[in-house]
Amino acid sequence: MGRSRGGLTTKIHAVVDAEGRPIKLGLSPGQDHDSTKALLLLDELDNGSTLLADRAYDTDAIRAFADDRGAWANIPPKSNRKGRFAFSHWVYRQRNLVERFFNRLKQFRGIATRYDRKAENFLAAIKLVAIRLWLKFNESTA
């Protein structure tokens, strides 16, 4: 999808719920910054929800978007950030659900090695794995 110094690379972006199940998925070229895709994936952010994201998503636009939606953006500030924001380390520990989702994705060889040449096919494979994870989660709770 994108060419960088390391070759063809693709970044996977995911929004997961409080149980670690994927809600929205997206792709971007490897050379793009992480925050460029965030506003497209967060369009269904509800009032009163908490947005947990890593330091790469610490932008004024994302914080303002969450504020407009009535959500709290619990994002650690970048080292060069001028302003101060409320941040809870205890709440931020729940972000490991996102990392667990990515680890479950990487258990599928086709995703981990990126065999697909087209971005549409790669995103479709990711969505199929996400559906499988949803079904597996529903079986374990039933």
N, C-alpha and C. Protein backbone atom coordinates (compact mmCIF):
# COMPACT_ATOMS: atom_id res chain seq x y z
N MET A 1 0.82 -1.19 0.00
CA MET A 1 0.00 0.00 0.00
C MET A 1 0.86 1.25 0.00
N GLY A 2 1.93 1.22 0.74
CA GLY A 2 2.80 2.38 0.76
C GLY A 2 4.25 1.95 0.75
N ARG A 3 5.09 2.76 0.17
CA ARG A 3 6.51 2.42 0.11
C ARG A 3 7.26 3.30 1.09
N SER A 4 8.05 2.66 1.92
CA SER A 4 8.92 3.37 2.84
C SER A 4 10.34 2.86 2.64
N ARG A 5 11.25 3.31 3.48
CA ARG A 5 12.64 2.85 3.33
C ARG A 5 12.76 1.36 3.54
N GLY A 6 11.85 0.79 4.34
CA GLY A 6 11.91 -0.64 4.61
C GLY A 6 11.21 -1.49 3.58
N GLY A 7 10.59 -0.87 2.59
CA GLY A 7 9.85 -1.61 1.57
C GLY A 7 8.38 -1.27 1.63
N LEU A 8 7.55 -2.20 1.17
CA LEU A 8 6.11 -1.97 1.21
C LEU A 8 5.59 -2.22 2.62
N THR A 9 4.95 -1.22 3.19
CA THR A 9 4.45 -1.34 4.55
C THR A 9 3.02 -0.84 4.63
N THR A 10 2.30 -1.33 5.61
CA THR A 10 0.92 -0.93 5.84
C THR A 10 0.69 -0.88 7.34
N LYS A 11 -0.03 0.15 7.79
CA LYS A 11 -0.40 0.24 9.19
C LYS A 11 -1.86 -0.15 9.34
N ILE A 12 -2.15 -0.95 10.34
CA ILE A 12 -3.51 -1.35 10.65
C ILE A 12 -3.99 -0.49 11.82
N HIS A 13 -5.16 0.12 11.67
CA HIS A 13 -5.76 0.93 12.72
C HIS A 13 -7.03 0.23 13.18
N ALA A 14 -7.24 0.18 14.49
CA ALA A 14 -8.39 -0.53 15.03
C ALA A 14 -9.02 0.25 16.18
N VAL A 15 -10.34 0.18 16.24
CA VAL A 15 -11.11 0.67 17.38
C VAL A 15 -11.73 -0.57 18.01
N VAL A 16 -11.45 -0.79 19.29
CA VAL A 16 -12.01 -1.95 19.98
C VAL A 16 -12.90 -1.49 21.12
N ASP A 17 -13.84 -2.36 21.51
CA ASP A 17 -14.74 -2.03 22.61
C ASP A 17 -14.10 -2.39 23.94
N ALA A 18 -14.86 -2.28 25.02
CA ALA A 18 -14.35 -2.54 26.36
C ALA A 18 -14.00 -4.01 26.58
N GLU A 19 -14.44 -4.89 25.70
CA GLU A 19 -14.13 -6.31 25.81
C GLU A 19 -12.95 -6.71 24.92
N GLY A 20 -12.41 -5.78 24.14
CA GLY A 20 -11.31 -6.07 23.24
C GLY A 20 -11.73 -6.58 21.88
N ARG A 21 -13.03 -6.47 21.56
CA ARG A 21 -13.53 -6.90 20.26
C ARG A 21 -13.44 -5.74 19.27
N PRO A 22 -13.04 -6.01 18.04
CA PRO A 22 -12.89 -4.92 17.06
C PRO A 22 -14.24 -4.33 16.64
N ILE A 23 -14.29 -3.02 16.59
CA ILE A 23 -15.49 -2.29 16.16
C ILE A 23 -15.29 -1.74 14.75
N LYS A 24 -14.17 -1.07 14.54
CA LYS A 24 -13.84 -0.49 13.22
C LYS A 24 -12.39 -0.78 12.92
N LEU A 25 -12.13 -1.00 11.63
CA LEU A 25 -10.77 -1.30 11.17
C LEU A 25 -10.44 -0.41 9.97
N GLY A 26 -9.19 -0.07 9.84
CA GLY A 26 -8.75 0.72 8.70
C GLY A 26 -7.28 0.48 8.42
N LEU A 27 -6.86 0.90 7.23
CA LEU A 27 -5.46 0.79 6.81
C LEU A 27 -4.94 2.15 6.38
N SER A 28 -3.66 2.33 6.50
CA SER A 28 -3.00 3.51 5.96
C SER A 28 -1.61 3.11 5.50
N PRO A 29 -1.02 3.88 4.61
CA PRO A 29 0.35 3.58 4.19
C PRO A 29 1.31 3.70 5.37
N GLY A 30 2.38 2.95 5.32
CA GLY A 30 3.34 2.92 6.42
C GLY A 30 4.01 4.24 6.70
N GLN A 31 4.13 5.10 5.69
CA GLN A 31 4.82 6.37 5.90
C GLN A 31 3.89 7.45 6.46
N ASP A 32 2.58 7.21 6.51
CA ASP A 32 1.64 8.17 7.08
C ASP A 32 1.69 8.13 8.60
N HIS A 33 1.38 9.27 9.20
CA HIS A 33 1.32 9.33 10.65
C HIS A 33 0.06 8.63 11.15
N ASP A 34 0.13 8.06 12.35
CA ASP A 34 -1.00 7.31 12.91
C ASP A 34 -2.26 8.15 13.04
N SER A 35 -2.13 9.41 13.39
CA SER A 35 -3.30 10.23 13.68
C SER A 35 -4.11 10.62 12.44
N THR A 36 -3.61 10.39 11.24
CA THR A 36 -4.34 10.79 10.04
C THR A 36 -5.62 9.99 9.85
N LYS A 37 -5.66 8.77 10.32
CA LYS A 37 -6.82 7.90 10.13
C LYS A 37 -7.77 7.94 11.32
N ALA A 38 -7.36 8.54 12.42
CA ALA A 38 -8.11 8.47 13.67
C ALA A 38 -9.51 9.08 13.57
N LEU A 39 -9.64 10.25 13.00
CA LEU A 39 -10.94 10.91 12.97
C LEU A 39 -11.96 10.14 12.13
N LEU A 40 -11.51 9.44 11.11
CA LEU A 40 -12.43 8.62 10.31
C LEU A 40 -12.94 7.42 11.09
N LEU A 41 -12.08 6.86 11.93
CA LEU A 41 -12.48 5.68 12.70
C LEU A 41 -13.30 6.04 13.94
N LEU A 42 -13.19 7.25 14.41
CA LEU A 42 -13.87 7.65 15.64
C LEU A 42 -15.19 8.38 15.40
N ASP A 43 -15.75 8.28 14.22
CA ASP A 43 -16.96 9.05 13.92
C ASP A 43 -18.18 8.63 14.73
N GLU A 44 -18.15 7.43 15.33
CA GLU A 44 -19.28 6.96 16.13
C GLU A 44 -18.98 7.03 17.63
N LEU A 45 -18.08 7.91 18.03
CA LEU A 45 -17.73 8.07 19.44
C LEU A 45 -18.94 8.63 20.18
N ASP A 46 -19.35 7.94 21.25
CA ASP A 46 -20.56 8.31 21.97
C ASP A 46 -20.27 9.27 23.11
N ASN A 47 -21.32 9.93 23.54
CA ASN A 47 -21.27 10.83 24.68
C ASN A 47 -20.97 10.01 25.95
N GLY A 48 -20.03 10.48 26.75
CA GLY A 48 -19.70 9.80 27.99
C GLY A 48 -18.69 8.66 27.86
N SER A 49 -18.21 8.39 26.68
CA SER A 49 -17.24 7.31 26.50
C SER A 49 -15.82 7.81 26.76
N THR A 50 -14.91 6.87 26.90
CA THR A 50 -13.51 7.19 27.14
C THR A 50 -12.69 6.73 25.95
N LEU A 51 -11.91 7.63 25.41
CA LEU A 51 -11.02 7.34 24.28
C LEU A 51 -9.63 7.06 24.83
N LEU A 52 -9.17 5.83 24.66
CA LEU A 52 -7.83 5.45 25.08
C LEU A 52 -6.98 5.28 23.84
N ALA A 53 -5.91 6.02 23.76
CA ALA A 53 -5.03 5.94 22.59
C ALA A 53 -3.59 6.15 23.05
N ASP A 54 -2.65 5.73 22.23
CA ASP A 54 -1.26 5.92 22.62
C ASP A 54 -0.79 7.32 22.26
N ARG A 55 0.45 7.59 22.59
CA ARG A 55 1.02 8.93 22.45
C ARG A 55 0.98 9.48 21.02
N ALA A 56 0.98 8.63 20.03
CA ALA A 56 0.97 9.08 18.64
C ALA A 56 -0.32 9.81 18.28
N TYR A 57 -1.38 9.55 19.03
CA TYR A 57 -2.68 10.18 18.76
C TYR A 57 -2.90 11.44 19.58
N ASP A 58 -1.88 11.97 20.21
CA ASP A 58 -1.99 13.18 21.01
C ASP A 58 -1.91 14.41 20.11
N THR A 59 -3.04 14.75 19.49
CA THR A 59 -3.13 15.96 18.68
C THR A 59 -4.29 16.81 19.16
N ASP A 60 -4.21 18.09 18.88
CA ASP A 60 -5.30 18.99 19.27
C ASP A 60 -6.60 18.63 18.56
N ALA A 61 -6.50 18.19 17.31
CA ALA A 61 -7.70 17.85 16.54
C ALA A 61 -8.44 16.66 17.15
N ILE A 62 -7.72 15.64 17.57
CA ILE A 62 -8.36 14.46 18.15
C ILE A 62 -8.95 14.80 19.52
N ARG A 63 -8.23 15.59 20.31
CA ARG A 63 -8.76 16.00 21.61
C ARG A 63 -10.01 16.86 21.45
N ALA A 64 -10.00 17.77 20.48
CA ALA A 64 -11.18 18.62 20.24
C ALA A 64 -12.35 17.79 19.73
N PHE A 65 -12.08 16.82 18.88
CA PHE A 65 -13.13 15.95 18.36
C PHE A 65 -13.79 15.17 19.49
N ALA A 66 -12.99 14.62 20.39
CA ALA A 66 -13.53 13.89 21.53
C ALA A 66 -14.32 14.81 22.45
N ASP A 67 -13.83 16.02 22.64
CA ASP A 67 -14.54 17.00 23.46
C ASP A 67 -15.90 17.36 22.87
N ASP A 68 -15.94 17.54 21.55
CA ASP A 68 -17.20 17.87 20.88
C ASP A 68 -18.22 16.74 21.01
N ARG A 69 -17.74 15.52 21.05
CA ARG A 69 -18.63 14.35 21.17
C ARG A 69 -18.99 14.04 22.63
N GLY A 70 -18.43 14.78 23.57
CA GLY A 70 -18.71 14.53 24.98
C GLY A 70 -17.94 13.36 25.54
N ALA A 71 -16.83 13.01 24.92
CA ALA A 71 -16.00 11.89 25.36
C ALA A 71 -14.74 12.43 26.05
N TRP A 72 -14.13 11.59 26.86
CA TRP A 72 -12.89 11.96 27.52
C TRP A 72 -11.73 11.28 26.81
N ALA A 73 -10.78 12.08 26.35
CA ALA A 73 -9.61 11.55 25.67
C ALA A 73 -8.50 11.33 26.70
N ASN A 74 -8.28 10.09 27.08
CA ASN A 74 -7.22 9.73 28.01
C ASN A 74 -6.01 9.28 27.19
N ILE A 75 -5.26 10.27 26.73
CA ILE A 75 -4.11 10.03 25.86
C ILE A 75 -2.88 10.62 26.56
N PRO A 76 -1.80 9.85 26.70
CA PRO A 76 -0.62 10.43 27.33
C PRO A 76 -0.05 11.56 26.48
N PRO A 77 0.35 12.65 27.11
CA PRO A 77 0.86 13.79 26.33
C PRO A 77 2.23 13.49 25.74
N LYS A 78 2.46 14.04 24.55
CA LYS A 78 3.79 13.94 23.94
C LYS A 78 4.77 14.75 24.76
N SER A 79 6.03 14.47 24.60
CA SER A 79 7.05 15.17 25.39
C SER A 79 7.16 16.64 25.01
N ASN A 80 6.77 17.00 23.79
CA ASN A 80 6.86 18.39 23.36
C ASN A 80 5.53 19.15 23.51
N ARG A 81 4.55 18.55 24.19
CA ARG A 81 3.23 19.17 24.37
C ARG A 81 3.34 20.35 25.34
N LYS A 82 2.75 21.49 24.95
CA LYS A 82 2.81 22.69 25.79
C LYS A 82 1.74 22.67 26.88
N GLY A 83 0.49 22.36 26.53
CA GLY A 83 -0.60 22.40 27.50
C GLY A 83 -0.64 21.16 28.38
N ARG A 84 -1.42 21.22 29.44
CA ARG A 84 -1.60 20.10 30.35
C ARG A 84 -3.02 19.57 30.20
N PHE A 85 -3.17 18.26 30.25
CA PHE A 85 -4.47 17.62 30.13
C PHE A 85 -4.62 16.59 31.23
N ALA A 86 -5.87 16.30 31.56
CA ALA A 86 -6.13 15.26 32.55
C ALA A 86 -5.75 13.91 31.94
N PHE A 87 -4.98 13.14 32.69
CA PHE A 87 -4.54 11.83 32.22
C PHE A 87 -4.48 10.89 33.41
N SER A 88 -5.06 9.72 33.27
CA SER A 88 -5.07 8.72 34.34
C SER A 88 -4.28 7.50 33.89
N HIS A 89 -3.22 7.21 34.61
CA HIS A 89 -2.41 6.02 34.31
C HIS A 89 -3.21 4.75 34.57
N TRP A 90 -4.06 4.77 35.59
CA TRP A 90 -4.85 3.60 35.94
C TRP A 90 -5.83 3.24 34.82
N VAL A 91 -6.51 4.25 34.24
CA VAL A 91 -7.44 4.00 33.14
C VAL A 91 -6.67 3.60 31.88
N TYR A 92 -5.50 4.18 31.69
CA TYR A 92 -4.71 3.91 30.49
C TYR A 92 -4.26 2.45 30.41
N ARG A 93 -4.18 1.77 31.54
CA ARG A 93 -3.78 0.36 31.53
C ARG A 93 -4.77 -0.51 30.77
N GLN A 94 -6.00 -0.05 30.61
CA GLN A 94 -7.00 -0.81 29.87
C GLN A 94 -6.73 -0.82 28.37
N ARG A 95 -5.79 0.01 27.91
CA ARG A 95 -5.46 0.05 26.49
C ARG A 95 -4.80 -1.24 26.03
N ASN A 96 -4.41 -2.08 26.96
CA ASN A 96 -3.80 -3.36 26.57
C ASN A 96 -4.79 -4.23 25.80
N LEU A 97 -6.08 -3.95 25.87
CA LEU A 97 -7.06 -4.69 25.08
C LEU A 97 -6.80 -4.51 23.58
N VAL A 98 -6.36 -3.32 23.21
CA VAL A 98 -6.03 -3.06 21.80
C VAL A 98 -4.81 -3.87 21.40
N GLU A 99 -3.80 -3.87 22.27
CA GLU A 99 -2.58 -4.63 21.99
C GLU A 99 -2.88 -6.13 21.91
N ARG A 100 -3.77 -6.62 22.76
CA ARG A 100 -4.16 -8.02 22.70
C ARG A 100 -4.85 -8.35 21.40
N PHE A 101 -5.69 -7.43 20.91
CA PHE A 101 -6.35 -7.65 19.63
C PHE A 101 -5.31 -7.78 18.51
N PHE A 102 -4.32 -6.89 18.50
CA PHE A 102 -3.29 -6.97 17.47
C PHE A 102 -2.47 -8.26 17.60
N ASN A 103 -2.24 -8.72 18.81
CA ASN A 103 -1.53 -9.99 18.99
C ASN A 103 -2.36 -11.16 18.47
N ARG A 104 -3.68 -11.12 18.66
CA ARG A 104 -4.53 -12.17 18.12
C ARG A 104 -4.54 -12.12 16.59
N LEU A 105 -4.49 -10.91 16.02
CA LEU A 105 -4.41 -10.79 14.56
C LEU A 105 -3.14 -11.43 14.02
N LYS A 106 -2.05 -11.21 14.70
CA LYS A 106 -0.76 -11.71 14.23
C LYS A 106 -0.62 -13.22 14.33
N GLN A 107 -1.55 -13.87 15.01
CA GLN A 107 -1.52 -15.33 15.07
C GLN A 107 -1.92 -15.95 13.74
N PHE A 108 -2.51 -15.16 12.85
CA PHE A 108 -2.89 -15.63 11.52
C PHE A 108 -1.77 -15.28 10.56
N ARG A 109 -1.19 -16.28 9.95
CA ARG A 109 0.01 -16.11 9.15
C ARG A 109 -0.18 -15.14 7.99
N GLY A 110 -1.32 -15.18 7.34
CA GLY A 110 -1.56 -14.28 6.21
C GLY A 110 -1.58 -12.82 6.61
N ILE A 111 -1.99 -12.55 7.82
CA ILE A 111 -2.01 -11.17 8.32
C ILE A 111 -0.61 -10.77 8.76
N ALA A 112 0.04 -11.64 9.50
CA ALA A 112 1.36 -11.31 10.05
C ALA A 112 2.39 -11.10 8.95
N THR A 113 2.30 -11.85 7.87
CA THR A 113 3.31 -11.73 6.81
C THR A 113 2.86 -10.88 5.65
N ARG A 114 1.60 -10.46 5.62
CA ARG A 114 1.05 -9.55 4.60
C ARG A 114 1.28 -10.10 3.20
N TYR A 115 0.64 -11.26 2.91
CA TYR A 115 0.78 -11.87 1.60
C TYR A 115 0.04 -11.10 0.51
N ASP A 116 -1.06 -10.44 0.86
CA ASP A 116 -1.87 -9.76 -0.14
C ASP A 116 -1.15 -8.55 -0.70
N ARG A 117 -1.24 -8.39 -1.99
CA ARG A 117 -0.60 -7.25 -2.64
C ARG A 117 -1.49 -6.03 -2.66
N LYS A 118 -2.79 -6.23 -2.69
CA LYS A 118 -3.72 -5.10 -2.74
C LYS A 118 -4.25 -4.80 -1.34
N ALA A 119 -4.40 -3.51 -1.05
CA ALA A 119 -4.86 -3.08 0.27
C ALA A 119 -6.28 -3.56 0.55
N GLU A 120 -7.13 -3.60 -0.48
CA GLU A 120 -8.52 -4.04 -0.29
C GLU A 120 -8.57 -5.50 0.16
N ASN A 121 -7.73 -6.33 -0.44
CA ASN A 121 -7.69 -7.75 -0.07
C ASN A 121 -7.14 -7.94 1.34
N PHE A 122 -6.13 -7.15 1.69
CA PHE A 122 -5.55 -7.25 3.02
C PHE A 122 -6.56 -6.82 4.09
N LEU A 123 -7.28 -5.72 3.83
CA LEU A 123 -8.30 -5.26 4.78
C LEU A 123 -9.43 -6.28 4.89
N ALA A 124 -9.79 -6.91 3.79
CA ALA A 124 -10.83 -7.94 3.82
C ALA A 124 -10.38 -9.14 4.67
N ALA A 125 -9.12 -9.53 4.55
CA ALA A 125 -8.60 -10.63 5.36
C ALA A 125 -8.61 -10.26 6.84
N ILE A 126 -8.27 -9.03 7.15
CA ILE A 126 -8.30 -8.56 8.55
C ILE A 126 -9.73 -8.60 9.08
N LYS A 127 -10.68 -8.18 8.26
CA LYS A 127 -12.08 -8.19 8.70
C LYS A 127 -12.59 -9.60 8.89
N LEU A 128 -12.15 -10.54 8.07
CA LEU A 128 -12.55 -11.93 8.26
C LEU A 128 -12.01 -12.49 9.58
N VAL A 129 -10.78 -12.14 9.89
CA VAL A 129 -10.20 -12.57 11.17
C VAL A 129 -10.97 -11.91 12.33
N ALA A 130 -11.35 -10.64 12.15
CA ALA A 130 -12.11 -9.95 13.19
C ALA A 130 -13.46 -10.62 13.43
N ILE A 131 -14.11 -11.04 12.36
CA ILE A 131 -15.39 -11.76 12.49
C ILE A 131 -15.17 -13.07 13.25
N ARG A 132 -14.10 -13.75 12.92
CA ARG A 132 -13.79 -15.01 13.60
C ARG A 132 -13.55 -14.78 15.10
N LEU A 133 -12.87 -13.68 15.43
CA LEU A 133 -12.64 -13.36 16.83
C LEU A 133 -13.95 -13.03 17.55
N TRP A 134 -14.86 -12.33 16.88
CA TRP A 134 -16.18 -12.03 17.46
C TRP A 134 -16.93 -13.34 17.73
N LEU A 135 -16.91 -14.25 16.76
CA LEU A 135 -17.62 -15.52 16.93
C LEU A 135 -17.01 -16.34 18.05
N LYS A 136 -15.70 -16.36 18.14
CA LYS A 136 -15.03 -17.11 19.20
C LYS A 136 -15.36 -16.51 20.57
N PHE A 137 -15.43 -15.19 20.64
CA PHE A 137 -15.76 -14.53 21.90
C PHE A 137 -17.20 -14.87 22.31
N ASN A 138 -18.12 -14.89 21.34
CA ASN A 138 -19.51 -15.21 21.64
C ASN A 138 -19.67 -16.64 22.09
N GLU A 139 -18.87 -17.57 21.56
CA GLU A 139 -18.94 -18.97 21.98
C GLU A 139 -18.48 -19.12 23.44
N SER A 140 -17.46 -18.36 23.81
CA SER A 140 -16.93 -18.50 25.16
C SER A 140 -17.84 -17.87 26.21
N THR A 141 -18.67 -16.90 25.82
CA THR A 141 -19.57 -16.26 26.78
C THR A 141 -20.92 -16.97 26.87
N ALA A 142 -21.22 -17.83 25.91
CA ALA A 142 -22.53 -18.50 25.91
C ALA A 142 -22.58 -19.67 26.86
